[in-house]
């Protein structure tokens, strides 16, 4: 039998994510938080793959809160997601969110300029 406390051990950013105050009318952020809560409390605590996915999702949504560029990227790309009815819808959306974040990390580099005084 799983316990919510056991699951929250793997989600150090849970309270920051759930209590984050989004802008009024930001339905995408609200839905993402609802998907996050639904998914993490529906996993099998004995399955290592599920635990790793929960850890990744927790990290991704923490970055969603703190990184404005990633937030806008995810909001633009999540609208285009198509899920088959036969699949587990929440699991499919979580996988897409993690893929978007991985892509964002790989292809987005922030240039840091160090100026020299001559």
PDB file of N, CA and C in Angstrom:
ATOM      1  N   UNK A   1       0.844  -1.181   0.000  1.00  0.00           N
ATOM      2  CA  UNK A   1       0.000   0.000   0.000  1.00  0.00           C
ATOM      3  C   UNK A   1       0.882   1.234   0.000  1.00  0.00           C
ATOM      4  N   UNK A   2       0.595   2.153  -0.862  1.00  0.00           N
ATOM      5  CA  UNK A   2       1.405   3.350  -0.951  1.00  0.00           C
ATOM      6  C   UNK A   2       0.847   4.441  -0.051  1.00  0.00           C
ATOM      7  N   UNK A   3       1.731   5.293   0.342  1.00  0.00           N
ATOM      8  CA  UNK A   3       1.349   6.407   1.189  1.00  0.00           C
ATOM      9  C   UNK A   3       1.736   7.698   0.493  1.00  0.00           C
ATOM     10  N   UNK A   4       0.939   8.726   0.672  1.00  0.00           N
ATOM     11  CA  UNK A   4       1.256  10.005   0.058  1.00  0.00           C
ATOM     12  C   UNK A   4       2.574  10.557   0.577  1.00  0.00           C
ATOM     13  N   UNK A   5       2.889  10.289   1.845  1.00  0.00           N
ATOM     14  CA  UNK A   5       4.163  10.756   2.399  1.00  0.00           C
ATOM     15  C   UNK A   5       5.335  10.081   1.704  1.00  0.00           C
ATOM     16  N   UNK A   6       5.186   8.812   1.363  1.00  0.00           N
ATOM     17  CA  UNK A   6       6.248   8.105   0.649  1.00  0.00           C
ATOM     18  C   UNK A   6       6.462   8.696  -0.738  1.00  0.00           C
ATOM     19  N   UNK A   7       5.386   9.042  -1.390  1.00  0.00           N
ATOM     20  CA  UNK A   7       5.490   9.636  -2.725  1.00  0.00           C
ATOM     21  C   UNK A   7       6.112  11.026  -2.653  1.00  0.00           C
ATOM     22  N   UNK A   8       5.743  11.805  -1.651  1.00  0.00           N
ATOM     23  CA  UNK A   8       6.266  13.174  -1.528  1.00  0.00           C
ATOM     24  C   UNK A   8       7.753  13.210  -1.208  1.00  0.00           C
ATOM     25  N   UNK A   9       8.320  12.100  -0.763  1.00  0.00           N
ATOM     26  CA  UNK A   9       9.774  12.031  -0.556  1.00  0.00           C
ATOM     27  C   UNK A   9      10.517  12.232  -1.884  1.00  0.00           C
ATOM     28  N   UNK A  10       9.879  11.814  -2.948  1.00  0.00           N
ATOM     29  CA  UNK A  10      10.488  11.920  -4.271  1.00  0.00           C
ATOM     30  C   UNK A  10      10.162  13.238  -4.964  1.00  0.00           C
ATOM     31  N   UNK A  11       9.374  14.074  -4.334  1.00  0.00           N
ATOM     32  CA  UNK A  11       8.946  15.345  -4.924  1.00  0.00           C
ATOM     33  C   UNK A  11       9.299  16.512  -4.001  1.00  0.00           C
ATOM     34  N   UNK A  12      10.558  16.923  -3.982  1.00  0.00           N
ATOM     35  CA  UNK A  12      10.948  18.002  -3.072  1.00  0.00           C
ATOM     36  C   UNK A  12      10.330  19.355  -3.422  1.00  0.00           C
ATOM     37  N   UNK A  13       9.871  19.516  -4.653  1.00  0.00           N
ATOM     38  CA  UNK A  13       9.294  20.797  -5.087  1.00  0.00           C
ATOM     39  C   UNK A  13       7.769  20.797  -5.071  1.00  0.00           C
ATOM     40  N   UNK A  14       7.160  19.788  -4.479  1.00  0.00           N
ATOM     41  CA  UNK A  14       5.705  19.628  -4.517  1.00  0.00           C
ATOM     42  C   UNK A  14       4.980  20.874  -4.009  1.00  0.00           C
ATOM     43  N   UNK A  15       5.335  21.351  -2.836  1.00  0.00           N
ATOM     44  CA  UNK A  15       4.600  22.480  -2.251  1.00  0.00           C
ATOM     45  C   UNK A  15       4.857  23.784  -3.015  1.00  0.00           C
ATOM     46  N   UNK A  16       6.052  23.943  -3.567  1.00  0.00           N
ATOM     47  CA  UNK A  16       6.318  25.124  -4.391  1.00  0.00           C
ATOM     48  C   UNK A  16       5.462  25.101  -5.656  1.00  0.00           C
ATOM     49  N   UNK A  17       5.320  23.929  -6.239  1.00  0.00           N
ATOM     50  CA  UNK A  17       4.546  23.801  -7.476  1.00  0.00           C
ATOM     51  C   UNK A  17       3.059  23.996  -7.209  1.00  0.00           C
ATOM     52  N   UNK A  18       2.550  23.332  -6.200  1.00  0.00           N
ATOM     53  CA  UNK A  18       1.118  23.377  -5.919  1.00  0.00           C
ATOM     54  C   UNK A  18       0.687  24.755  -5.421  1.00  0.00           C
ATOM     55  N   UNK A  19       1.547  25.430  -4.683  1.00  0.00           N
ATOM     56  CA  UNK A  19       1.182  26.720  -4.100  1.00  0.00           C
ATOM     57  C   UNK A  19       1.611  27.918  -4.939  1.00  0.00           C
ATOM     58  N   UNK A  20       2.178  27.681  -6.120  1.00  0.00           N
ATOM     59  CA  UNK A  20       2.617  28.777  -6.967  1.00  0.00           C
ATOM     60  C   UNK A  20       1.403  29.568  -7.441  1.00  0.00           C
ATOM     61  N   UNK A  21       1.516  30.874  -7.386  1.00  0.00           N
ATOM     62  CA  UNK A  21       0.406  31.763  -7.745  1.00  0.00           C
ATOM     63  C   UNK A  21       0.554  32.177  -9.209  1.00  0.00           C
ATOM     64  N   UNK A  22      -0.202  31.513 -10.088  1.00  0.00           N
ATOM     65  CA  UNK A  22      -0.154  31.820 -11.508  1.00  0.00           C
ATOM     66  C   UNK A  22      -1.009  33.041 -11.802  1.00  0.00           C
ATOM     67  N   UNK A  23      -0.805  33.620 -12.964  1.00  0.00           N
ATOM     68  CA  UNK A  23      -1.593  34.775 -13.391  1.00  0.00           C
ATOM     69  C   UNK A  23      -3.056  34.362 -13.576  1.00  0.00           C
ATOM     70  N   UNK A  24      -3.933  35.316 -13.426  1.00  0.00           N
ATOM     71  CA  UNK A  24      -5.361  35.044 -13.645  1.00  0.00           C
ATOM     72  C   UNK A  24      -5.587  34.661 -15.101  1.00  0.00           C
ATOM     73  N   UNK A  25      -6.362  33.639 -15.311  1.00  0.00           N
ATOM     74  CA  UNK A  25      -6.683  33.204 -16.662  1.00  0.00           C
ATOM     75  C   UNK A  25      -5.654  32.274 -17.270  1.00  0.00           C
ATOM     76  N   UNK A  26      -4.637  31.879 -16.515  1.00  0.00           N
ATOM     77  CA  UNK A  26      -3.605  30.978 -17.024  1.00  0.00           C
ATOM     78  C   UNK A  26      -4.078  29.541 -16.832  1.00  0.00           C
ATOM     79  N   UNK A  27      -4.904  29.078 -17.746  1.00  0.00           N
ATOM     80  CA  UNK A  27      -5.503  27.752 -17.637  1.00  0.00           C
ATOM     81  C   UNK A  27      -4.499  26.638 -17.880  1.00  0.00           C
ATOM     82  N   UNK A  28      -3.504  26.897 -18.716  1.00  0.00           N
ATOM     83  CA  UNK A  28      -2.517  25.865 -19.015  1.00  0.00           C
ATOM     84  C   UNK A  28      -1.725  25.523 -17.760  1.00  0.00           C
ATOM     85  N   UNK A  29      -1.291  26.528 -17.014  1.00  0.00           N
ATOM     86  CA  UNK A  29      -0.541  26.271 -15.791  1.00  0.00           C
ATOM     87  C   UNK A  29      -1.399  25.529 -14.772  1.00  0.00           C
ATOM     88  N   UNK A  30      -2.647  25.904 -14.685  1.00  0.00           N
ATOM     89  CA  UNK A  30      -3.560  25.231 -13.761  1.00  0.00           C
ATOM     90  C   UNK A  30      -3.721  23.763 -14.136  1.00  0.00           C
ATOM     91  N   UNK A  31      -3.867  23.489 -15.414  1.00  0.00           N
ATOM     92  CA  UNK A  31      -4.009  22.111 -15.880  1.00  0.00           C
ATOM     93  C   UNK A  31      -2.732  21.314 -15.647  1.00  0.00           C
ATOM     94  N   UNK A  32      -1.574  21.942 -15.865  1.00  0.00           N
ATOM     95  CA  UNK A  32      -0.312  21.250 -15.632  1.00  0.00           C
ATOM     96  C   UNK A  32      -0.155  20.857 -14.168  1.00  0.00           C
ATOM     97  N   UNK A  33      -0.536  21.728 -13.266  1.00  0.00           N
ATOM     98  CA  UNK A  33      -0.453  21.411 -11.834  1.00  0.00           C
ATOM     99  C   UNK A  33      -1.435  20.286 -11.494  1.00  0.00           C
ATOM    100  N   UNK A  34      -2.612  20.309 -12.079  1.00  0.00           N
ATOM    101  CA  UNK A  34      -3.583  19.239 -11.838  1.00  0.00           C
ATOM    102  C   UNK A  34      -3.085  17.900 -12.374  1.00  0.00           C
ATOM    103  N   UNK A  35      -2.461  17.911 -13.539  1.00  0.00           N
ATOM    104  CA  UNK A  35      -1.881  16.691 -14.102  1.00  0.00           C
ATOM    105  C   UNK A  35      -0.758  16.186 -13.206  1.00  0.00           C
ATOM    106  N   UNK A  36       0.059  17.098 -12.723  1.00  0.00           N
ATOM    107  CA  UNK A  36       1.153  16.749 -11.815  1.00  0.00           C
ATOM    108  C   UNK A  36       0.616  16.045 -10.576  1.00  0.00           C
ATOM    109  N   UNK A  37      -0.385  16.641  -9.938  1.00  0.00           N
ATOM    110  CA  UNK A  37      -0.941  16.049  -8.719  1.00  0.00           C
ATOM    111  C   UNK A  37      -1.598  14.698  -9.020  1.00  0.00           C
ATOM    112  N   UNK A  38      -2.339  14.616 -10.096  1.00  0.00           N
ATOM    113  CA  UNK A  38      -2.996  13.358 -10.454  1.00  0.00           C
ATOM    114  C   UNK A  38      -1.986  12.263 -10.724  1.00  0.00           C
ATOM    115  N   UNK A  39      -0.929  12.608 -11.443  1.00  0.00           N
ATOM    116  CA  UNK A  39       0.041  11.588 -11.826  1.00  0.00           C
ATOM    117  C   UNK A  39       0.843  11.087 -10.636  1.00  0.00           C
ATOM    118  N   UNK A  40       1.362  11.990  -9.831  1.00  0.00           N
ATOM    119  CA  UNK A  40       2.250  11.524  -8.763  1.00  0.00           C
ATOM    120  C   UNK A  40       1.511  10.677  -7.731  1.00  0.00           C
ATOM    121  N   UNK A  41       0.227  10.934  -7.530  1.00  0.00           N
ATOM    122  CA  UNK A  41      -0.512  10.147  -6.550  1.00  0.00           C
ATOM    123  C   UNK A  41      -1.162   8.903  -7.152  1.00  0.00           C
ATOM    124  N   UNK A  42      -0.914   8.663  -8.434  1.00  0.00           N
ATOM    125  CA  UNK A  42      -1.470   7.462  -9.067  1.00  0.00           C
ATOM    126  C   UNK A  42      -0.396   6.431  -9.423  1.00  0.00           C
ATOM    127  N   UNK A  43       0.854   6.714  -9.108  1.00  0.00           N
ATOM    128  CA  UNK A  43       1.928   5.797  -9.504  1.00  0.00           C
ATOM    129  C   UNK A  43       2.004   4.595  -8.565  1.00  0.00           C
ATOM    130  N   UNK A  44       2.717   3.604  -9.040  1.00  0.00           N
ATOM    131  CA  UNK A  44       3.043   2.442  -8.224  1.00  0.00           C
ATOM    132  C   UNK A  44       4.375   2.730  -7.548  1.00  0.00           C
ATOM    133  N   UNK A  45       4.373   2.859  -6.238  1.00  0.00           N
ATOM    134  CA  UNK A  45       5.571   3.231  -5.487  1.00  0.00           C
ATOM    135  C   UNK A  45       6.654   2.158  -5.572  1.00  0.00           C
ATOM    136  N   UNK A  46       6.281   0.947  -5.943  1.00  0.00           N
ATOM    137  CA  UNK A  46       7.235  -0.152  -6.040  1.00  0.00           C
ATOM    138  C   UNK A  46       7.903  -0.230  -7.412  1.00  0.00           C
ATOM    139  N   UNK A  47       7.431   0.544  -8.364  1.00  0.00           N
ATOM    140  CA  UNK A  47       7.976   0.537  -9.718  1.00  0.00           C
ATOM    141  C   UNK A  47       9.042   1.633  -9.842  1.00  0.00           C
ATOM    142  N   UNK A  48      10.278   1.216 -10.101  1.00  0.00           N
ATOM    143  CA  UNK A  48      11.392   2.174 -10.191  1.00  0.00           C
ATOM    144  C   UNK A  48      11.226   3.148 -11.352  1.00  0.00           C
ATOM    145  N   UNK A  49      10.652   2.686 -12.446  1.00  0.00           N
ATOM    146  CA  UNK A  49      10.452   3.562 -13.604  1.00  0.00           C
ATOM    147  C   UNK A  49       9.472   4.689 -13.273  1.00  0.00           C
ATOM    148  N   UNK A  50       8.407   4.353 -12.560  1.00  0.00           N
ATOM    149  CA  UNK A  50       7.438   5.372 -12.146  1.00  0.00           C
ATOM    150  C   UNK A  50       8.073   6.396 -11.211  1.00  0.00           C
ATOM    151  N   UNK A  51       8.910   5.928 -10.318  1.00  0.00           N
ATOM    152  CA  UNK A  51       9.573   6.838  -9.379  1.00  0.00           C
ATOM    153  C   UNK A  51      10.499   7.795 -10.116  1.00  0.00           C
ATOM    154  N   UNK A  52      11.240   7.283 -11.088  1.00  0.00           N
ATOM    155  CA  UNK A  52      12.133   8.150 -11.876  1.00  0.00           C
ATOM    156  C   UNK A  52      11.333   9.172 -12.678  1.00  0.00           C
ATOM    157  N   UNK A  53      10.209   8.767 -13.215  1.00  0.00           N
ATOM    158  CA  UNK A  53       9.365   9.691 -13.964  1.00  0.00           C
ATOM    159  C   UNK A  53       8.818  10.781 -13.058  1.00  0.00           C
ATOM    160  N   UNK A  54       8.436  10.427 -11.842  1.00  0.00           N
ATOM    161  CA  UNK A  54       7.941  11.415 -10.884  1.00  0.00           C
ATOM    162  C   UNK A  54       9.038  12.402 -10.519  1.00  0.00           C
ATOM    163  N   UNK A  55      10.248  11.916 -10.326  1.00  0.00           N
ATOM    164  CA  UNK A  55      11.376  12.812 -10.013  1.00  0.00           C
ATOM    165  C   UNK A  55      11.619  13.786 -11.162  1.00  0.00           C
ATOM    166  N   UNK A  56      11.588  13.268 -12.379  1.00  0.00           N
ATOM    167  CA  UNK A  56      11.796  14.121 -13.549  1.00  0.00           C
ATOM    168  C   UNK A  56      10.679  15.149 -13.689  1.00  0.00           C
ATOM    169  N   UNK A  57       9.445  14.717 -13.511  1.00  0.00           N
ATOM    170  CA  UNK A  57       8.314  15.628 -13.629  1.00  0.00           C
ATOM    171  C   UNK A  57       8.381  16.722 -12.570  1.00  0.00           C
ATOM    172  N   UNK A  58       8.788  16.370 -11.370  1.00  0.00           N
ATOM    173  CA  UNK A  58       8.943  17.352 -10.298  1.00  0.00           C
ATOM    174  C   UNK A  58       9.989  18.395 -10.677  1.00  0.00           C
ATOM    175  N   UNK A  59      11.090  17.943 -11.233  1.00  0.00           N
ATOM    176  CA  UNK A  59      12.154  18.855 -11.671  1.00  0.00           C
ATOM    177  C   UNK A  59      11.678  19.740 -12.822  1.00  0.00           C
ATOM    178  N   UNK A  60      10.955  19.162 -13.758  1.00  0.00           N
ATOM    179  CA  UNK A  60      10.475  19.915 -14.917  1.00  0.00           C
ATOM    180  C   UNK A  60       9.512  21.013 -14.489  1.00  0.00           C
ATOM    181  N   UNK A  61       8.565  20.700 -13.623  1.00  0.00           N
ATOM    182  CA  UNK A  61       7.604  21.720 -13.211  1.00  0.00           C
ATOM    183  C   UNK A  61       8.230  22.757 -12.287  1.00  0.00           C
ATOM    184  N   UNK A  62       9.274  22.384 -11.563  1.00  0.00           N
ATOM    185  CA  UNK A  62      10.003  23.390 -10.787  1.00  0.00           C
ATOM    186  C   UNK A  62      10.685  24.377 -11.733  1.00  0.00           C
ATOM    187  N   UNK A  63      11.246  23.865 -12.818  1.00  0.00           N
ATOM    188  CA  UNK A  63      11.831  24.749 -13.827  1.00  0.00           C
ATOM    189  C   UNK A  63      10.764  25.563 -14.535  1.00  0.00           C
ATOM    190  N   UNK A  64       9.605  24.992 -14.720  1.00  0.00           N
ATOM    191  CA  UNK A  64       8.476  25.710 -15.324  1.00  0.00           C
ATOM    192  C   UNK A  64       8.122  26.942 -14.493  1.00  0.00           C
ATOM    193  N   UNK A  65       8.171  26.806 -13.202  1.00  0.00           N
ATOM    194  CA  UNK A  65       7.832  27.914 -12.307  1.00  0.00           C
ATOM    195  C   UNK A  65       8.905  28.997 -12.334  1.00  0.00           C
ATOM    196  N   UNK A  66      10.164  28.593 -12.358  1.00  0.00           N
ATOM    197  CA  UNK A  66      11.262  29.541 -12.195  1.00  0.00           C
ATOM    198  C   UNK A  66      11.824  30.109 -13.501  1.00  0.00           C
ATOM    199  N   UNK A  67      11.593  29.442 -14.616  1.00  0.00           N
ATOM    200  CA  UNK A  67      12.195  29.861 -15.882  1.00  0.00           C
ATOM    201  C   UNK A  67      11.087  30.330 -16.842  1.00  0.00           C
ATOM    202  N   UNK A  68      11.030  31.640 -17.045  1.00  0.00           N
ATOM    203  CA  UNK A  68       9.980  32.220 -17.884  1.00  0.00           C
ATOM    204  C   UNK A  68      10.073  31.724 -19.330  1.00  0.00           C
ATOM    205  N   UNK A  69      11.282  31.575 -19.862  1.00  0.00           N
ATOM    206  CA  UNK A  69      11.437  31.118 -21.245  1.00  0.00           C
ATOM    207  C   UNK A  69      10.920  29.691 -21.419  1.00  0.00           C
ATOM    208  N   UNK A  70      11.230  28.842 -20.452  1.00  0.00           N
ATOM    209  CA  UNK A  70      10.717  27.477 -20.531  1.00  0.00           C
ATOM    210  C   UNK A  70       9.201  27.461 -20.376  1.00  0.00           C
ATOM    211  N   UNK A  71       8.677  28.297 -19.512  1.00  0.00           N
ATOM    212  CA  UNK A  71       7.224  28.368 -19.322  1.00  0.00           C
ATOM    213  C   UNK A  71       6.532  28.723 -20.628  1.00  0.00           C
ATOM    214  N   UNK A  72       7.039  29.733 -21.315  1.00  0.00           N
ATOM    215  CA  UNK A  72       6.408  30.128 -22.581  1.00  0.00           C
ATOM    216  C   UNK A  72       6.590  29.054 -23.651  1.00  0.00           C
ATOM    217  N   UNK A  73       7.736  28.387 -23.660  1.00  0.00           N
ATOM    218  CA  UNK A  73       7.967  27.309 -24.628  1.00  0.00           C
ATOM    219  C   UNK A  73       7.015  26.153 -24.392  1.00  0.00           C
ATOM    220  N   UNK A  74       6.880  25.749 -23.139  1.00  0.00           N
ATOM    221  CA  UNK A  74       5.987  24.631 -22.824  1.00  0.00           C
ATOM    222  C   UNK A  74       4.539  24.984 -23.123  1.00  0.00           C
ATOM    223  N   UNK A  75       4.139  26.193 -22.832  1.00  0.00           N
ATOM    224  CA  UNK A  75       2.758  26.598 -23.100  1.00  0.00           C
ATOM    225  C   UNK A  75       2.462  26.596 -24.594  1.00  0.00           C
ATOM    226  N   UNK A  76       3.443  26.969 -25.411  1.00  0.00           N
ATOM    227  CA  UNK A  76       3.233  26.961 -26.860  1.00  0.00           C
ATOM    228  C   UNK A  76       3.165  25.542 -27.407  1.00  0.00           C
ATOM    229  N   UNK A  77       4.033  24.660 -26.882  1.00  0.00           N
ATOM    230  CA  UNK A  77       4.131  23.318 -27.452  1.00  0.00           C
ATOM    231  C   UNK A  77       3.101  22.347 -26.887  1.00  0.00           C
ATOM    232  N   UNK A  78       2.635  22.563 -25.684  1.00  0.00           N
ATOM    233  CA  UNK A  78       1.688  21.631 -25.074  1.00  0.00           C
ATOM    234  C   UNK A  78       0.327  21.694 -25.764  1.00  0.00           C
ATOM    235  N   UNK A  79       0.037  22.798 -26.395  1.00  0.00           N
ATOM    236  CA  UNK A  79      -1.237  22.942 -27.105  1.00  0.00           C
ATOM    237  C   UNK A  79      -1.310  21.994 -28.292  1.00  0.00           C
ATOM    238  N   UNK A  80      -0.172  21.676 -28.898  1.00  0.00           N
ATOM    239  CA  UNK A  80      -0.140  20.836 -30.090  1.00  0.00           C
ATOM    240  C   UNK A  80      -0.059  19.347 -29.791  1.00  0.00           C
ATOM    241  N   UNK A  81      -0.152  18.942 -28.533  1.00  0.00           N
ATOM    242  CA  UNK A  81      -0.012  17.535 -28.164  1.00  0.00           C
ATOM    243  C   UNK A  81      -1.266  16.762 -28.551  1.00  0.00           C
ATOM    244  N   UNK A  82      -1.046  15.629 -29.176  1.00  0.00           N
ATOM    245  CA  UNK A  82      -2.140  14.728 -29.547  1.00  0.00           C
ATOM    246  C   UNK A  82      -1.910  13.406 -28.824  1.00  0.00           C
ATOM    247  N   UNK A  83      -2.959  12.906 -28.176  1.00  0.00           N
ATOM    248  CA  UNK A  83      -2.866  11.657 -27.424  1.00  0.00           C
ATOM    249  C   UNK A  83      -3.930  10.700 -27.931  1.00  0.00           C
ATOM    250  N   UNK A  84      -3.552   9.442 -28.118  1.00  0.00           N
ATOM    251  CA  UNK A  84      -4.521   8.436 -28.543  1.00  0.00           C
ATOM    252  C   UNK A  84      -5.411   8.072 -27.365  1.00  0.00           C
ATOM    253  N   UNK A  85      -6.649   7.805 -27.657  1.00  0.00           N
ATOM    254  CA  UNK A  85      -7.612   7.470 -26.605  1.00  0.00           C
ATOM    255  C   UNK A  85      -7.298   6.134 -25.940  1.00  0.00           C
ATOM    256  N   UNK A  86      -6.617   5.251 -26.639  1.00  0.00           N
ATOM    257  CA  UNK A  86      -6.318   3.929 -26.098  1.00  0.00           C
ATOM    258  C   UNK A  86      -5.270   3.986 -24.991  1.00  0.00           C
ATOM    259  N   UNK A  87      -4.426   4.986 -25.017  1.00  0.00           N
ATOM    260  CA  UNK A  87      -3.332   5.087 -24.050  1.00  0.00           C
ATOM    261  C   UNK A  87      -3.795   5.724 -22.752  1.00  0.00           C
ATOM    262  N   UNK A  88      -2.954   5.587 -21.725  1.00  0.00           N
ATOM    263  CA  UNK A  88      -3.169   6.300 -20.470  1.00  0.00           C
ATOM    264  C   UNK A  88      -2.897   7.776 -20.756  1.00  0.00           C
ATOM    265  N   UNK A  89      -3.910   8.597 -20.700  1.00  0.00           N
ATOM    266  CA  UNK A  89      -3.813   9.988 -21.133  1.00  0.00           C
ATOM    267  C   UNK A  89      -2.835  10.775 -20.266  1.00  0.00           C
ATOM    268  N   UNK A  90      -2.946  10.653 -18.956  1.00  0.00           N
ATOM    269  CA  UNK A  90      -2.085  11.432 -18.058  1.00  0.00           C
ATOM    270  C   UNK A  90      -0.625  11.023 -18.237  1.00  0.00           C
ATOM    271  N   UNK A  91      -0.365   9.713 -18.337  1.00  0.00           N
ATOM    272  CA  UNK A  91       1.007   9.232 -18.532  1.00  0.00           C
ATOM    273  C   UNK A  91       1.564   9.745 -19.860  1.00  0.00           C
ATOM    274  N   UNK A  92       0.751   9.753 -20.897  1.00  0.00           N
ATOM    275  CA  UNK A  92       1.193  10.240 -22.204  1.00  0.00           C
ATOM    276  C   UNK A  92       1.539  11.722 -22.149  1.00  0.00           C
ATOM    277  N   UNK A  93       0.722  12.510 -21.468  1.00  0.00           N
ATOM    278  CA  UNK A  93       0.984  13.948 -21.349  1.00  0.00           C
ATOM    279  C   UNK A  93       2.246  14.195 -20.535  1.00  0.00           C
ATOM    280  N   UNK A  94       2.441  13.429 -19.461  1.00  0.00           N
ATOM    281  CA  UNK A  94       3.650  13.570 -18.644  1.00  0.00           C
ATOM    282  C   UNK A  94       4.886  13.263 -19.477  1.00  0.00           C
ATOM    283  N   UNK A  95       4.832  12.213 -20.272  1.00  0.00           N
ATOM    284  CA  UNK A  95       5.967  11.871 -21.137  1.00  0.00           C
ATOM    285  C   UNK A  95       6.277  12.993 -22.122  1.00  0.00           C
ATOM    286  N   UNK A  96       5.240  13.611 -22.675  1.00  0.00           N
ATOM    287  CA  UNK A  96       5.437  14.716 -23.620  1.00  0.00           C
ATOM    288  C   UNK A  96       6.050  15.926 -22.907  1.00  0.00           C
ATOM    289  N   UNK A  97       5.591  16.219 -21.709  1.00  0.00           N
ATOM    290  CA  UNK A  97       6.139  17.342 -20.940  1.00  0.00           C
ATOM    291  C   UNK A  97       7.627  17.132 -20.691  1.00  0.00           C
ATOM    292  N   UNK A  98       8.005  15.925 -20.316  1.00  0.00           N
ATOM    293  CA  UNK A  98       9.423  15.622 -20.061  1.00  0.00           C
ATOM    294  C   UNK A  98      10.231  15.718 -21.349  1.00  0.00           C
ATOM    295  N   UNK A  99       9.670  15.264 -22.474  1.00  0.00           N
ATOM    296  CA  UNK A  99      10.368  15.365 -23.763  1.00  0.00           C
ATOM    297  C   UNK A  99      10.567  16.829 -24.169  1.00  0.00           C
ATOM    298  N   UNK A 100       9.570  17.653 -23.937  1.00  0.00           N
ATOM    299  CA  UNK A 100       9.688  19.075 -24.264  1.00  0.00           C
ATOM    300  C   UNK A 100      10.794  19.707 -23.437  1.00  0.00           C
ATOM    301  N   UNK A 101      10.865  19.362 -22.163  1.00  0.00           N
ATOM    302  CA  UNK A 101      11.909  19.907 -21.300  1.00  0.00           C
ATOM    303  C   UNK A 101      13.288  19.438 -21.732  1.00  0.00           C
ATOM    304  N   UNK A 102      13.414  18.172 -22.079  1.00  0.00           N
ATOM    305  CA  UNK A 102      14.697  17.640 -22.542  1.00  0.00           C
ATOM    306  C   UNK A 102      15.145  18.358 -23.807  1.00  0.00           C
ATOM    307  N   UNK A 103      14.211  18.557 -24.710  1.00  0.00           N
ATOM    308  CA  UNK A 103      14.513  19.286 -25.939  1.00  0.00           C
ATOM    309  C   UNK A 103      14.916  20.718 -25.639  1.00  0.00           C
ATOM    310  N   UNK A 104      14.219  21.347 -24.720  1.00  0.00           N
ATOM    311  CA  UNK A 104      14.519  22.729 -24.325  1.00  0.00           C
ATOM    312  C   UNK A 104      15.923  22.825 -23.743  1.00  0.00           C
ATOM    313  N   UNK A 105      16.290  21.878 -22.892  1.00  0.00           N
ATOM    314  CA  UNK A 105      17.630  21.892 -22.295  1.00  0.00           C
ATOM    315  C   UNK A 105      18.718  21.689 -23.329  1.00  0.00           C
ATOM    316  N   UNK A 106      18.474  20.798 -24.292  1.00  0.00           N
ATOM    317  CA  UNK A 106      19.491  20.487 -25.290  1.00  0.00           C
ATOM    318  C   UNK A 106      19.715  21.623 -26.276  1.00  0.00           C
ATOM    319  N   UNK A 107      18.644  22.267 -26.700  1.00  0.00           N
ATOM    320  CA  UNK A 107      18.758  23.233 -27.780  1.00  0.00           C
ATOM    321  C   UNK A 107      18.782  24.684 -27.338  1.00  0.00           C
ATOM    322  N   UNK A 108      18.578  24.924 -26.073  1.00  0.00           N
ATOM    323  CA  UNK A 108      18.608  26.290 -25.593  1.00  0.00           C
ATOM    324  C   UNK A 108      19.889  26.497 -24.809  1.00  0.00           C
ATOM    325  N   UNK A 109      20.686  27.366 -25.315  1.00  0.00           N
ATOM    326  CA  UNK A 109      21.898  27.724 -24.589  1.00  0.00           C
ATOM    327  C   UNK A 109      21.827  29.207 -24.303  1.00  0.00           C
ATOM    328  N   UNK A 110      22.226  29.520 -23.151  1.00  0.00           N
ATOM    329  CA  UNK A 110      22.225  30.930 -22.781  1.00  0.00           C
ATOM    330  C   UNK A 110      23.647  31.431 -22.904  1.00  0.00           C
ATOM    331  N   UNK A 111      23.802  32.434 -23.713  1.00  0.00           N
ATOM    332  CA  UNK A 111      25.122  32.995 -23.932  1.00  0.00           C
ATOM    333  C   UNK A 111      25.451  33.972 -22.813  1.00  0.00           C
ATOM    334  N   UNK A 112      26.601  33.768 -22.263  1.00  0.00           N
ATOM    335  CA  UNK A 112      27.068  34.659 -21.209  1.00  0.00           C
ATOM    336  C   UNK A 112      28.277  35.397 -21.784  1.00  0.00           C
ATOM    337  N   UNK A 113      28.150  36.674 -21.809  1.00  0.00           N
ATOM    338  CA  UNK A 113      29.229  37.498 -22.331  1.00  0.00           C
ATOM    339  C   UNK A 113      30.026  38.071 -21.172  1.00  0.00           C
ATOM    340  N   UNK A 114      31.332  37.891 -21.259  1.00  0.00           N
ATOM    341  CA  UNK A 114      32.215  38.486 -20.268  1.00  0.00           C
ATOM    342  C   UNK A 114      32.924  39.627 -20.980  1.00  0.00           C
ATOM    343  N   UNK A 115      32.657  40.786 -20.508  1.00  0.00           N
ATOM    344  CA  UNK A 115      33.265  41.935 -21.172  1.00  0.00           C
ATOM    345  C   UNK A 115      34.653  42.174 -20.601  1.00  0.00           C
ATOM    346  N   UNK A 116      35.525  42.606 -21.472  1.00  0.00           N
ATOM    347  CA  UNK A 116      36.880  42.940 -21.076  1.00  0.00           C
ATOM    348  C   UNK A 116      37.082  44.433 -21.279  1.00  0.00           C
ATOM    349  N   UNK A 117      37.701  45.010 -20.335  1.00  0.00           N
ATOM    350  CA  UNK A 117      38.048  46.415 -20.468  1.00  0.00           C
ATOM    351  C   UNK A 117      39.460  46.473 -21.022  1.00  0.00           C
ATOM    352  N   UNK A 118      39.563  47.176 -22.107  1.00  0.00           N
ATOM    353  CA  UNK A 118      40.887  47.271 -22.739  1.00  0.00           C
ATOM    354  C   UNK A 118      41.527  48.567 -22.331  1.00  0.00           C
TER     355      UNK A 118
END
